[in-house]
């Protein structure tokens, strides 16, 4: 899934080039390319699909030049994750209803790629033997307030996989500390594994109006597909797969996976990983008496000197310079709303 605009990374992420198409970690690869590379040894290229905004189809082709063009699925309007997943599921179902589908966002960081692959292989094996909707849960390492949580059932607690008890929305700090201390919860990664026929059945049960829009399309894998799908998106409501299906279904299971995961959704989360990457810090960025401060600049050769700023983000783009407290999400959100003219 590569359809978001990464608004929280403004001004680095813009409507015309969101964060998934940027080398935001400074690794030499964009987040989309990193995501694709993780699957190279476990998914054939012609079985890899990218769902993205209509205007980003060309960018996906440029960044993933080995991806078959017909595997780039475009949305005319963003409608959150349920319609996005429904489109991909029904397209695959039209060709192979017995296929197993792995769903992942394009903007995650995975520290241990081999452990990630092994987790997915276990997930595929599990859903091949069970008619379940499997979500990947991440063992929490701190009381995060920016992630949702999943309460594990007894079997999942004992074996690392099994039925869930419930989903929990992003908590406040005190509740997050309680969830962490209980030992029963994992972070909701937003990654899923399921048989295509099982997610289709779930969509038709819990989101019948969305399912009908994509089920009624008879032109999958033909020249008329794009036109018909565009109409389905325009008629669809905007709803997440978690709220529309996963929180309601009675066959949701969780597989715990420990592979250095993070949802790079804030400057604070980006800093956690950039500070540990050999290529993450630009030698032209000089920080004096500025602990925990992150600098990002569109011109890598430009000298940026920062002094006396503790826990700030400095983003220097061609047309805008932003300097703000890195951990103050409320202030950053206000700046975005007031000044992000290009979003």
C-alpha atoms as a PDB file:
ATOM      1  CA  UNK A   1       0.000   0.000   0.000  1.00  0.00           C
ATOM      2  CA  UNK A   2       1.604   3.236  -1.194  1.00  0.00           C
ATOM      3  CA  UNK A   3      -1.230   5.723  -1.348  1.00  0.00           C
ATOM      4  CA  UNK A   4      -0.641   8.043   1.618  1.00  0.00           C
ATOM      5  CA  UNK A   5       0.778  11.561   1.507  1.00  0.00           C
ATOM      6  CA  UNK A   6       2.981  11.431   4.618  1.00  0.00           C
ATOM      7  CA  UNK A   7       1.687  14.772   5.866  1.00  0.00           C
ATOM      8  CA  UNK A   8       3.530  14.556   9.186  1.00  0.00           C
ATOM      9  CA  UNK A   9       6.834  14.699   7.294  1.00  0.00           C
ATOM     10  CA  UNK A  10       6.071  18.046   5.688  1.00  0.00           C
ATOM     11  CA  UNK A  11       7.935  19.906   4.260  1.00  0.00           C
ATOM     12  CA  UNK A  12      10.077  16.954   3.151  1.00  0.00           C
ATOM     13  CA  UNK A  13       7.007  14.953   2.107  1.00  0.00           C
ATOM     14  CA  UNK A  14       4.674  16.740  -0.326  1.00  0.00           C
ATOM     15  CA  UNK A  15       1.523  15.920  -2.251  1.00  0.00           C
ATOM     16  CA  UNK A  16       3.538  15.575  -5.445  1.00  0.00           C
ATOM     17  CA  UNK A  17       6.116  13.258  -3.821  1.00  0.00           C
ATOM     18  CA  UNK A  18       5.076  11.664  -0.508  1.00  0.00           C
ATOM     19  CA  UNK A  19       7.461  10.032   1.922  1.00  0.00           C
ATOM     20  CA  UNK A  20       7.175   6.506   0.492  1.00  0.00           C
ATOM     21  CA  UNK A  21       8.916   7.779  -2.655  1.00  0.00           C
ATOM     22  CA  UNK A  22      11.735   9.449  -0.695  1.00  0.00           C
ATOM     23  CA  UNK A  23      14.994   8.192   0.767  1.00  0.00           C
ATOM     24  CA  UNK A  24      13.869   9.486   4.117  1.00  0.00           C
ATOM     25  CA  UNK A  25      16.235   7.243   6.112  1.00  0.00           C
ATOM     26  CA  UNK A  26      19.293   8.188   4.070  1.00  0.00           C
ATOM     27  CA  UNK A  27      20.016   4.590   3.010  1.00  0.00           C
ATOM     28  CA  UNK A  28      20.261   5.199  -0.738  1.00  0.00           C
ATOM     29  CA  UNK A  29      16.830   3.632  -1.339  1.00  0.00           C
ATOM     30  CA  UNK A  30      13.333   5.033  -1.044  1.00  0.00           C
ATOM     31  CA  UNK A  31      10.923   3.546   1.468  1.00  0.00           C
ATOM     32  CA  UNK A  32       8.982   1.910  -1.374  1.00  0.00           C
ATOM     33  CA  UNK A  33      12.164   0.354  -2.777  1.00  0.00           C
ATOM     34  CA  UNK A  34      13.165  -0.905   0.668  1.00  0.00           C
ATOM     35  CA  UNK A  35       9.726  -2.479   1.083  1.00  0.00           C
ATOM     36  CA  UNK A  36       9.955  -4.215  -2.277  1.00  0.00           C
ATOM     37  CA  UNK A  37      13.481  -5.497  -1.609  1.00  0.00           C
ATOM     38  CA  UNK A  38      12.347  -7.223   1.593  1.00  0.00           C
ATOM     39  CA  UNK A  39      10.091  -9.535  -0.389  1.00  0.00           C
ATOM     40  CA  UNK A  40      12.491 -10.451  -3.200  1.00  0.00           C
ATOM     41  CA  UNK A  41      13.374 -13.891  -1.832  1.00  0.00           C
ATOM     42  CA  UNK A  42       9.825 -14.896  -0.847  1.00  0.00           C
ATOM     43  CA  UNK A  43       7.529 -13.350  -3.491  1.00  0.00           C
ATOM     44  CA  UNK A  44       7.987 -13.529  -7.266  1.00  0.00           C
ATOM     45  CA  UNK A  45       8.083 -10.164  -9.035  1.00  0.00           C
ATOM     46  CA  UNK A  46       4.920 -10.859 -11.010  1.00  0.00           C
ATOM     47  CA  UNK A  47       3.058 -11.532  -7.740  1.00  0.00           C
ATOM     48  CA  UNK A  48       3.980  -8.160  -6.236  1.00  0.00           C
ATOM     49  CA  UNK A  49       1.278  -5.475  -6.449  1.00  0.00           C
ATOM     50  CA  UNK A  50       1.485  -1.805  -5.484  1.00  0.00           C
ATOM     51  CA  UNK A  51      -1.685   0.189  -4.825  1.00  0.00           C
ATOM     52  CA  UNK A  52      -1.015   3.915  -5.107  1.00  0.00           C
ATOM     53  CA  UNK A  53      -2.555   7.211  -6.101  1.00  0.00           C
ATOM     54  CA  UNK A  54      -3.378   7.692  -9.760  1.00  0.00           C
ATOM     55  CA  UNK A  55      -0.775  10.417 -10.215  1.00  0.00           C
ATOM     56  CA  UNK A  56       1.976   8.252  -8.698  1.00  0.00           C
ATOM     57  CA  UNK A  57       1.788   5.321 -11.112  1.00  0.00           C
ATOM     58  CA  UNK A  58       4.680   6.676 -13.153  1.00  0.00           C
ATOM     59  CA  UNK A  59       6.800   7.235 -10.049  1.00  0.00           C
ATOM     60  CA  UNK A  60       6.250   3.623  -8.972  1.00  0.00           C
ATOM     61  CA  UNK A  61       7.358   2.450 -12.430  1.00  0.00           C
ATOM     62  CA  UNK A  62      10.514   4.573 -12.228  1.00  0.00           C
ATOM     63  CA  UNK A  63      11.432   3.292  -8.787  1.00  0.00           C
ATOM     64  CA  UNK A  64      10.443  -0.363  -9.322  1.00  0.00           C
ATOM     65  CA  UNK A  65      11.431  -0.832 -12.945  1.00  0.00           C
ATOM     66  CA  UNK A  66      11.220  -4.654 -12.760  1.00  0.00           C
ATOM     67  CA  UNK A  67       7.585  -4.538 -11.626  1.00  0.00           C
ATOM     68  CA  UNK A  68       5.113  -5.467 -14.395  1.00  0.00           C
ATOM     69  CA  UNK A  69       3.111  -2.315 -15.288  1.00  0.00           C
ATOM     70  CA  UNK A  70      -0.203  -4.150 -14.829  1.00  0.00           C
ATOM     71  CA  UNK A  71       0.770  -4.805 -11.197  1.00  0.00           C
ATOM     72  CA  UNK A  72       0.589  -1.092 -10.405  1.00  0.00           C
ATOM     73  CA  UNK A  73      -2.960  -0.521  -9.181  1.00  0.00           C
ATOM     74  CA  UNK A  74      -4.045   3.109  -9.029  1.00  0.00           C
ATOM     75  CA  UNK A  75      -6.688   4.910  -6.978  1.00  0.00           C
ATOM     76  CA  UNK A  76      -8.308   8.089  -8.361  1.00  0.00           C
ATOM     77  CA  UNK A  77      -9.095   9.216  -4.808  1.00  0.00           C
ATOM     78  CA  UNK A  78      -7.747   8.116  -1.432  1.00  0.00           C
ATOM     79  CA  UNK A  79     -10.336   6.055   0.447  1.00  0.00           C
ATOM     80  CA  UNK A  80      -8.230   4.610   3.286  1.00  0.00           C
ATOM     81  CA  UNK A  81      -7.100   0.990   3.532  1.00  0.00           C
ATOM     82  CA  UNK A  82     -10.318  -1.044   3.162  1.00  0.00           C
ATOM     83  CA  UNK A  83     -11.096  -0.047  -0.472  1.00  0.00           C
ATOM     84  CA  UNK A  84      -7.375  -0.286  -1.282  1.00  0.00           C
ATOM     85  CA  UNK A  85      -7.214  -3.855   0.020  1.00  0.00           C
ATOM     86  CA  UNK A  86     -10.571  -4.722  -1.561  1.00  0.00           C
ATOM     87  CA  UNK A  87      -9.288  -3.685  -4.993  1.00  0.00           C
ATOM     88  CA  UNK A  88      -6.153  -5.805  -4.736  1.00  0.00           C
ATOM     89  CA  UNK A  89      -8.035  -8.754  -3.231  1.00  0.00           C
ATOM     90  CA  UNK A  90     -10.738  -8.893  -5.902  1.00  0.00           C
ATOM     91  CA  UNK A  91      -8.199  -8.464  -8.698  1.00  0.00           C
ATOM     92  CA  UNK A  92      -6.161 -11.391  -7.372  1.00  0.00           C
ATOM     93  CA  UNK A  93      -9.330 -13.389  -6.668  1.00  0.00           C
ATOM     94  CA  UNK A  94     -10.346 -13.072 -10.330  1.00  0.00           C
ATOM     95  CA  UNK A  95      -7.203 -14.993 -11.288  1.00  0.00           C
ATOM     96  CA  UNK A  96      -6.527 -17.219  -8.275  1.00  0.00           C
ATOM     97  CA  UNK A  97      -9.135 -17.387  -5.476  1.00  0.00           C
ATOM     98  CA  UNK A  98      -6.874 -19.750  -3.513  1.00  0.00           C
ATOM     99  CA  UNK A  99      -3.943 -17.337  -3.423  1.00  0.00           C
ATOM    100  CA  UNK A 100      -2.445 -16.197  -0.137  1.00  0.00           C
ATOM    101  CA  UNK A 101      -2.121 -12.443   0.197  1.00  0.00           C
ATOM    102  CA  UNK A 102       0.414 -10.492   2.261  1.00  0.00           C
ATOM    103  CA  UNK A 103      -0.498  -6.849   2.898  1.00  0.00           C
ATOM    104  CA  UNK A 104       2.062  -4.278   4.003  1.00  0.00           C
ATOM    105  CA  UNK A 105       2.329  -0.504   4.070  1.00  0.00           C
ATOM    106  CA  UNK A 106       5.200   0.979   2.084  1.00  0.00           C
ATOM    107  CA  UNK A 107       6.558   3.228   4.835  1.00  0.00           C
ATOM    108  CA  UNK A 108       7.744   0.869   7.567  1.00  0.00           C
ATOM    109  CA  UNK A 109      11.270   0.339   8.833  1.00  0.00           C
ATOM    110  CA  UNK A 110      12.450  -3.246   9.336  1.00  0.00           C
ATOM    111  CA  UNK A 111      15.744  -3.634  11.175  1.00  0.00           C
ATOM    112  CA  UNK A 112      16.183  -7.404  10.732  1.00  0.00           C
ATOM    113  CA  UNK A 113      15.020  -8.276   7.223  1.00  0.00           C
ATOM    114  CA  UNK A 114      15.802 -11.988   7.506  1.00  0.00           C
ATOM    115  CA  UNK A 115      13.757 -12.309  10.705  1.00  0.00           C
ATOM    116  CA  UNK A 116      10.954 -10.428   8.948  1.00  0.00           C
ATOM    117  CA  UNK A 117      10.993 -12.875   6.050  1.00  0.00           C
ATOM    118  CA  UNK A 118      10.966 -15.860   8.393  1.00  0.00           C
ATOM    119  CA  UNK A 119       7.972 -14.376  10.220  1.00  0.00           C
ATOM    120  CA  UNK A 120       6.049 -13.995   6.966  1.00  0.00           C
ATOM    121  CA  UNK A 121       6.889 -17.553   5.906  1.00  0.00           C
ATOM    122  CA  UNK A 122       5.436 -18.753   9.225  1.00  0.00           C
ATOM    123  CA  UNK A 123       2.405 -16.561   8.620  1.00  0.00           C
ATOM    124  CA  UNK A 124       1.808 -17.970   5.151  1.00  0.00           C
ATOM    125  CA  UNK A 125       2.095 -21.509   6.502  1.00  0.00           C
ATOM    126  CA  UNK A 126      -0.361 -20.689   9.303  1.00  0.00           C
ATOM    127  CA  UNK A 127      -3.081 -19.208   7.088  1.00  0.00           C
ATOM    128  CA  UNK A 128      -2.685 -22.026   4.574  1.00  0.00           C
ATOM    129  CA  UNK A 129      -3.805 -24.379   7.352  1.00  0.00           C
ATOM    130  CA  UNK A 130      -6.368 -22.106   9.040  1.00  0.00           C
ATOM    131  CA  UNK A 131      -9.213 -19.960   7.706  1.00  0.00           C
ATOM    132  CA  UNK A 132      -8.142 -16.857   9.611  1.00  0.00           C
ATOM    133  CA  UNK A 133      -7.321 -13.212   9.063  1.00  0.00           C
ATOM    134  CA  UNK A 134      -3.787 -12.981  10.425  1.00  0.00           C
ATOM    135  CA  UNK A 135      -2.309  -9.720  11.651  1.00  0.00           C
ATOM    136  CA  UNK A 136       1.357  -9.297  12.515  1.00  0.00           C
ATOM    137  CA  UNK A 137       1.841  -8.079  16.082  1.00  0.00           C
ATOM    138  CA  UNK A 138       5.034  -6.462  17.347  1.00  0.00           C
ATOM    139  CA  UNK A 139       6.229  -7.066  20.931  1.00  0.00           C
ATOM    140  CA  UNK A 140       6.248  -3.558  22.461  1.00  0.00           C
ATOM    141  CA  UNK A 141       9.520  -2.145  23.745  1.00  0.00           C
ATOM    142  CA  UNK A 142       8.200   1.100  25.238  1.00  0.00           C
ATOM    143  CA  UNK A 143       4.773   2.617  26.064  1.00  0.00           C
ATOM    144  CA  UNK A 144       4.047   3.988  22.592  1.00  0.00           C
ATOM    145  CA  UNK A 145       1.092   6.330  22.182  1.00  0.00           C
ATOM    146  CA  UNK A 146       1.303   6.521  18.392  1.00  0.00           C
ATOM    147  CA  UNK A 147       0.509   2.840  17.721  1.00  0.00           C
ATOM    148  CA  UNK A 148      -2.623   0.788  18.182  1.00  0.00           C
ATOM    149  CA  UNK A 149      -2.435  -2.333  20.358  1.00  0.00           C
ATOM    150  CA  UNK A 150      -3.772  -5.891  20.108  1.00  0.00           C
ATOM    151  CA  UNK A 151      -4.643  -7.985  23.159  1.00  0.00           C
ATOM    152  CA  UNK A 152      -3.527 -11.569  22.619  1.00  0.00           C
ATOM    153  CA  UNK A 153      -5.507 -14.619  23.636  1.00  0.00           C
ATOM    154  CA  UNK A 154      -3.977 -17.343  25.804  1.00  0.00           C
ATOM    155  CA  UNK A 155      -2.787 -19.466  22.878  1.00  0.00           C
ATOM    156  CA  UNK A 156      -1.094 -16.490  21.248  1.00  0.00           C
ATOM    157  CA  UNK A 157       0.582 -15.610  24.545  1.00  0.00           C
ATOM    158  CA  UNK A 158       1.880 -19.161  24.929  1.00  0.00           C
ATOM    159  CA  UNK A 159       2.891 -19.967  21.345  1.00  0.00           C
ATOM    160  CA  UNK A 160       3.321 -16.604  19.611  1.00  0.00           C
ATOM    161  CA  UNK A 161       0.291 -17.122  17.389  1.00  0.00           C
ATOM    162  CA  UNK A 162      -3.415 -17.555  17.959  1.00  0.00           C
ATOM    163  CA  UNK A 163      -6.712 -15.748  18.357  1.00  0.00           C
ATOM    164  CA  UNK A 164      -6.859 -12.163  19.550  1.00  0.00           C
ATOM    165  CA  UNK A 165      -9.074 -10.784  22.322  1.00  0.00           C
ATOM    166  CA  UNK A 166      -9.497  -7.257  20.989  1.00  0.00           C
ATOM    167  CA  UNK A 167      -7.951  -4.305  19.216  1.00  0.00           C
ATOM    168  CA  UNK A 168      -7.092  -1.239  21.272  1.00  0.00           C
ATOM    169  CA  UNK A 169      -6.956   2.274  19.814  1.00  0.00           C
ATOM    170  CA  UNK A 170      -3.876   4.451  20.300  1.00  0.00           C
ATOM    171  CA  UNK A 171      -3.719   5.033  24.065  1.00  0.00           C
ATOM    172  CA  UNK A 172      -2.717   7.972  26.215  1.00  0.00           C
ATOM    173  CA  UNK A 173       0.641   7.710  28.011  1.00  0.00           C
ATOM    174  CA  UNK A 174      -0.690   6.291  31.306  1.00  0.00           C
ATOM    175  CA  UNK A 175      -2.772   3.617  29.589  1.00  0.00           C
ATOM    176  CA  UNK A 176       0.122   2.739  27.265  1.00  0.00           C
ATOM    177  CA  UNK A 177       2.255   2.069  30.338  1.00  0.00           C
ATOM    178  CA  UNK A 178      -0.466  -0.216  31.724  1.00  0.00           C
ATOM    179  CA  UNK A 179      -0.758  -2.123  28.446  1.00  0.00           C
ATOM    180  CA  UNK A 180       3.001  -2.621  28.319  1.00  0.00           C
ATOM    181  CA  UNK A 181       3.155  -3.767  31.941  1.00  0.00           C
ATOM    182  CA  UNK A 182       0.357  -6.321  31.447  1.00  0.00           C
ATOM    183  CA  UNK A 183       2.444  -8.355  29.006  1.00  0.00           C
ATOM    184  CA  UNK A 184      -0.679  -9.285  27.043  1.00  0.00           C
ATOM    185  CA  UNK A 185      -0.478  -6.725  24.252  1.00  0.00           C
ATOM    186  CA  UNK A 186       1.454  -6.322  21.023  1.00  0.00           C
ATOM    187  CA  UNK A 187       1.613  -3.327  18.715  1.00  0.00           C
ATOM    188  CA  UNK A 188      -0.669  -3.378  15.696  1.00  0.00           C
ATOM    189  CA  UNK A 189       1.733  -3.263  12.740  1.00  0.00           C
ATOM    190  CA  UNK A 190      -0.896  -2.866  10.022  1.00  0.00           C
ATOM    191  CA  UNK A 191       0.536  -5.896   8.189  1.00  0.00           C
ATOM    192  CA  UNK A 192      -1.686  -8.849   7.354  1.00  0.00           C
ATOM    193  CA  UNK A 193      -1.594 -12.353   5.869  1.00  0.00           C
ATOM    194  CA  UNK A 194      -4.710 -14.187   4.667  1.00  0.00           C
ATOM    195  CA  UNK A 195      -6.190 -16.301   1.925  1.00  0.00           C
ATOM    196  CA  UNK A 196      -7.738 -14.066  -0.703  1.00  0.00           C
ATOM    197  CA  UNK A 197     -11.033 -15.935  -0.420  1.00  0.00           C
ATOM    198  CA  UNK A 198     -11.081 -15.306   3.348  1.00  0.00           C
ATOM    199  CA  UNK A 199     -10.619 -11.539   3.095  1.00  0.00           C
ATOM    200  CA  UNK A 200     -13.189 -11.420   0.283  1.00  0.00           C
ATOM    201  CA  UNK A 201     -15.659 -13.272   2.525  1.00  0.00           C
ATOM    202  CA  UNK A 202     -14.900 -10.896   5.404  1.00  0.00           C
ATOM    203  CA  UNK A 203     -15.378  -7.823   3.223  1.00  0.00           C
ATOM    204  CA  UNK A 204     -18.714  -9.158   1.999  1.00  0.00           C
ATOM    205  CA  UNK A 205     -19.806  -9.828   5.588  1.00  0.00           C
ATOM    206  CA  UNK A 206     -18.629  -6.666   7.348  1.00  0.00           C
ATOM    207  CA  UNK A 207     -18.321  -4.115   4.523  1.00  0.00           C
ATOM    208  CA  UNK A 208     -20.868  -5.332   1.974  1.00  0.00           C
ATOM    209  CA  UNK A 209     -21.311  -1.935   0.322  1.00  0.00           C
ATOM    210  CA  UNK A 210     -17.565  -1.639  -0.336  1.00  0.00           C
ATOM    211  CA  UNK A 211     -17.252  -5.286  -1.354  1.00  0.00           C
ATOM    212  CA  UNK A 212     -20.088  -4.990  -3.878  1.00  0.00           C
ATOM    213  CA  UNK A 213     -18.362  -2.142  -5.710  1.00  0.00           C
ATOM    214  CA  UNK A 214     -15.298  -4.276  -6.428  1.00  0.00           C
ATOM    215  CA  UNK A 215     -17.060  -7.645  -6.701  1.00  0.00           C
ATOM    216  CA  UNK A 216     -19.249  -6.316  -9.508  1.00  0.00           C
ATOM    217  CA  UNK A 217     -16.271  -5.391 -11.669  1.00  0.00           C
ATOM    218  CA  UNK A 218     -15.931  -7.901 -14.514  1.00  0.00           C
ATOM    219  CA  UNK A 219     -13.004  -6.225 -16.249  1.00  0.00           C
ATOM    220  CA  UNK A 220     -10.101  -7.199 -13.999  1.00  0.00           C
ATOM    221  CA  UNK A 221      -6.958  -7.814 -16.041  1.00  0.00           C
ATOM    222  CA  UNK A 222      -8.469  -6.157 -19.142  1.00  0.00           C
ATOM    223  CA  UNK A 223      -8.071  -2.724 -20.698  1.00  0.00           C
ATOM    224  CA  UNK A 224     -11.318  -1.575 -19.055  1.00  0.00           C
ATOM    225  CA  UNK A 225     -10.136  -2.316 -15.520  1.00  0.00           C
ATOM    226  CA  UNK A 226      -8.816   1.158 -14.708  1.00  0.00           C
ATOM    227  CA  UNK A 227     -12.025   2.924 -15.739  1.00  0.00           C
ATOM    228  CA  UNK A 228     -14.270   0.548 -13.806  1.00  0.00           C
ATOM    229  CA  UNK A 229     -12.065   0.586 -10.708  1.00  0.00           C
ATOM    230  CA  UNK A 230     -11.937   4.381 -10.748  1.00  0.00           C
ATOM    231  CA  UNK A 231     -15.717   4.484 -10.601  1.00  0.00           C
ATOM    232  CA  UNK A 232     -15.730   2.011  -7.708  1.00  0.00           C
ATOM    233  CA  UNK A 233     -13.333   4.189  -5.716  1.00  0.00           C
ATOM    234  CA  UNK A 234     -15.335   7.327  -6.388  1.00  0.00           C
ATOM    235  CA  UNK A 235     -18.470   5.579  -5.095  1.00  0.00           C
ATOM    236  CA  UNK A 236     -16.780   4.001  -2.081  1.00  0.00           C
ATOM    237  CA  UNK A 237     -16.763   5.387   1.422  1.00  0.00           C
ATOM    238  CA  UNK A 238     -13.443   6.007   3.141  1.00  0.00           C
ATOM    239  CA  UNK A 239     -12.800   3.459   5.880  1.00  0.00           C
ATOM    240  CA  UNK A 240      -9.849   1.563   7.312  1.00  0.00           C
ATOM    241  CA  UNK A 241      -9.567  -2.210   7.162  1.00  0.00           C
ATOM    242  CA  UNK A 242      -9.091  -2.270  10.951  1.00  0.00           C
ATOM    243  CA  UNK A 243     -12.317  -0.418  11.704  1.00  0.00           C
ATOM    244  CA  UNK A 244     -14.324  -1.937   8.864  1.00  0.00           C
ATOM    245  CA  UNK A 245     -13.287  -5.596   9.165  1.00  0.00           C
ATOM    246  CA  UNK A 246     -10.601  -6.563  11.662  1.00  0.00           C
ATOM    247  CA  UNK A 247     -12.306  -5.156  14.765  1.00  0.00           C
ATOM    248  CA  UNK A 248     -15.542  -6.990  13.861  1.00  0.00           C
ATOM    249  CA  UNK A 249     -14.440 -10.346  12.453  1.00  0.00           C
ATOM    250  CA  UNK A 250     -14.440 -13.411  14.715  1.00  0.00           C
ATOM    251  CA  UNK A 251     -11.557 -15.195  12.982  1.00  0.00           C
ATOM    252  CA  UNK A 252      -8.771 -12.660  13.555  1.00  0.00           C
ATOM    253  CA  UNK A 253      -5.508 -14.179  14.768  1.00  0.00           C
ATOM    254  CA  UNK A 254      -2.165 -12.605  15.573  1.00  0.00           C
ATOM    255  CA  UNK A 255       1.385 -13.737  14.874  1.00  0.00           C
ATOM    256  CA  UNK A 256       4.026 -12.107  17.036  1.00  0.00           C
ATOM    257  CA  UNK A 257       7.068 -10.929  15.100  1.00  0.00           C
ATOM    258  CA  UNK A 258      10.243  -9.424  16.537  1.00  0.00           C
ATOM    259  CA  UNK A 259      12.279  -7.986  13.659  1.00  0.00           C
ATOM    260  CA  UNK A 260      13.123  -4.394  14.533  1.00  0.00           C
ATOM    261  CA  UNK A 261       9.861  -2.931  13.234  1.00  0.00           C
ATOM    262  CA  UNK A 262       8.848   0.697  13.363  1.00  0.00           C
ATOM    263  CA  UNK A 263       6.177   2.712  11.621  1.00  0.00           C
ATOM    264  CA  UNK A 264       8.191   5.709  10.463  1.00  0.00           C
ATOM    265  CA  UNK A 265       5.324   8.112  11.018  1.00  0.00           C
ATOM    266  CA  UNK A 266       6.903  10.986  12.925  1.00  0.00           C
ATOM    267  CA  UNK A 267      10.169  12.898  13.045  1.00  0.00           C
ATOM    268  CA  UNK A 268      10.733  11.347  16.471  1.00  0.00           C
ATOM    269  CA  UNK A 269      10.469   7.811  15.078  1.00  0.00           C
ATOM    270  CA  UNK A 270      12.724   8.740  12.158  1.00  0.00           C
ATOM    271  CA  UNK A 271      15.373  10.042  14.535  1.00  0.00           C
ATOM    272  CA  UNK A 272      15.435   6.746  16.436  1.00  0.00           C
ATOM    273  CA  UNK A 273      16.608   4.965  13.301  1.00  0.00           C
ATOM    274  CA  UNK A 274      18.698   7.605  11.567  1.00  0.00           C
ATOM    275  CA  UNK A 275      20.868   7.906  14.662  1.00  0.00           C
ATOM    276  CA  UNK A 276      21.705   4.186  14.414  1.00  0.00           C
ATOM    277  CA  UNK A 277      22.397   4.050  10.665  1.00  0.00           C
ATOM    278  CA  UNK A 278      25.971   4.538   9.365  1.00  0.00           C
ATOM    279  CA  UNK A 279      24.644   6.591   6.439  1.00  0.00           C
ATOM    280  CA  UNK A 280      21.981   8.366   8.445  1.00  0.00           C
ATOM    281  CA  UNK A 281      23.951  11.463   9.408  1.00  0.00           C
ATOM    282  CA  UNK A 282      25.268  13.830   6.749  1.00  0.00           C
ATOM    283  CA  UNK A 283      28.850  14.988   7.486  1.00  0.00           C
ATOM    284  CA  UNK A 284      27.850  18.449   6.244  1.00  0.00           C
ATOM    285  CA  UNK A 285      25.412  18.783   9.143  1.00  0.00           C
ATOM    286  CA  UNK A 286      27.262  20.118  12.181  1.00  0.00           C
ATOM    287  CA  UNK A 287      25.433  19.868  15.497  1.00  0.00           C
ATOM    288  CA  UNK A 288      27.003  21.652  18.467  1.00  0.00           C
ATOM    289  CA  UNK A 289      25.399  21.359  21.886  1.00  0.00           C
ATOM    290  CA  UNK A 290      22.261  20.093  20.111  1.00  0.00           C
ATOM    291  CA  UNK A 291      21.450  16.618  21.473  1.00  0.00           C
ATOM    292  CA  UNK A 292      18.622  14.569  19.964  1.00  0.00           C
ATOM    293  CA  UNK A 293      18.285  17.020  17.076  1.00  0.00           C
ATOM    294  CA  UNK A 294      17.559  15.833  13.532  1.00  0.00           C
ATOM    295  CA  UNK A 295      18.577  17.703  10.380  1.00  0.00           C
ATOM    296  CA  UNK A 296      17.235  16.987   6.910  1.00  0.00           C
ATOM    297  CA  UNK A 297      18.137  19.079   3.849  1.00  0.00           C
ATOM    298  CA  UNK A 298      17.224  18.813   0.170  1.00  0.00           C
ATOM    299  CA  UNK A 299      20.781  19.800  -0.822  1.00  0.00           C
ATOM    300  CA  UNK A 300      23.117  17.176   0.681  1.00  0.00           C
ATOM    301  CA  UNK A 301      26.161  19.359  -0.032  1.00  0.00           C
ATOM    302  CA  UNK A 302      24.854  22.347   1.920  1.00  0.00           C
ATOM    303  CA  UNK A 303      26.544  23.082   5.227  1.00  0.00           C
ATOM    304  CA  UNK A 304      23.949  23.180   8.013  1.00  0.00           C
ATOM    305  CA  UNK A 305      25.215  24.288  11.417  1.00  0.00           C
ATOM    306  CA  UNK A 306      22.969  23.991  14.464  1.00  0.00           C
ATOM    307  CA  UNK A 307      23.889  25.158  17.953  1.00  0.00           C
ATOM    308  CA  UNK A 308      21.974  25.081  21.219  1.00  0.00           C
ATOM    309  CA  UNK A 309      18.871  23.198  20.097  1.00  0.00           C
ATOM    310  CA  UNK A 310      17.839  20.179  22.166  1.00  0.00           C
ATOM    311  CA  UNK A 311      15.374  17.713  20.611  1.00  0.00           C
ATOM    312  CA  UNK A 312      14.514  19.770  17.522  1.00  0.00           C
ATOM    313  CA  UNK A 313      13.932  18.962  13.872  1.00  0.00           C
ATOM    314  CA  UNK A 314      15.483  21.190  11.212  1.00  0.00           C
ATOM    315  CA  UNK A 315      14.155  20.635   7.688  1.00  0.00           C
ATOM    316  CA  UNK A 316      15.785  22.758   4.986  1.00  0.00           C
ATOM    317  CA  UNK A 317      14.107  22.427   1.587  1.00  0.00           C
ATOM    318  CA  UNK A 318      14.531  24.576  -1.519  1.00  0.00           C
ATOM    319  CA  UNK A 319      11.396  26.603  -0.810  1.00  0.00           C
ATOM    320  CA  UNK A 320      10.900  26.347   2.953  1.00  0.00           C
ATOM    321  CA  UNK A 321      12.860  26.018   6.192  1.00  0.00           C
ATOM    322  CA  UNK A 322      11.156  24.528   9.261  1.00  0.00           C
ATOM    323  CA  UNK A 323      12.661  24.503  12.755  1.00  0.00           C
ATOM    324  CA  UNK A 324      10.438  23.019  15.451  1.00  0.00           C
ATOM    325  CA  UNK A 325      10.467  20.862  18.609  1.00  0.00           C
ATOM    326  CA  UNK A 326      10.856  17.301  17.359  1.00  0.00           C
ATOM    327  CA  UNK A 327       8.719  15.571  19.961  1.00  0.00           C
ATOM    328  CA  UNK A 328       5.892  18.117  20.036  1.00  0.00           C
ATOM    329  CA  UNK A 329       3.419  16.544  17.625  1.00  0.00           C
ATOM    330  CA  UNK A 330       0.723  19.122  18.416  1.00  0.00           C
ATOM    331  CA  UNK A 331       2.961  22.031  17.408  1.00  0.00           C
ATOM    332  CA  UNK A 332       4.111  20.272  14.265  1.00  0.00           C
ATOM    333  CA  UNK A 333       0.498  19.540  13.346  1.00  0.00           C
ATOM    334  CA  UNK A 334      -0.416  23.207  13.828  1.00  0.00           C
ATOM    335  CA  UNK A 335       2.490  24.284  11.619  1.00  0.00           C
ATOM    336  CA  UNK A 336       1.321  21.865   8.954  1.00  0.00           C
ATOM    337  CA  UNK A 337      -2.223  23.222   8.991  1.00  0.00           C
ATOM    338  CA  UNK A 338      -1.112  26.850   8.942  1.00  0.00           C
ATOM    339  CA  UNK A 339       1.735  26.783   6.461  1.00  0.00           C
ATOM    340  CA  UNK A 340       1.710  23.633   4.313  1.00  0.00           C
ATOM    341  CA  UNK A 341       0.495  25.369   1.167  1.00  0.00           C
ATOM    342  CA  UNK A 342       1.839  22.653  -1.107  1.00  0.00           C
ATOM    343  CA  UNK A 343       0.074  19.736   0.564  1.00  0.00           C
END
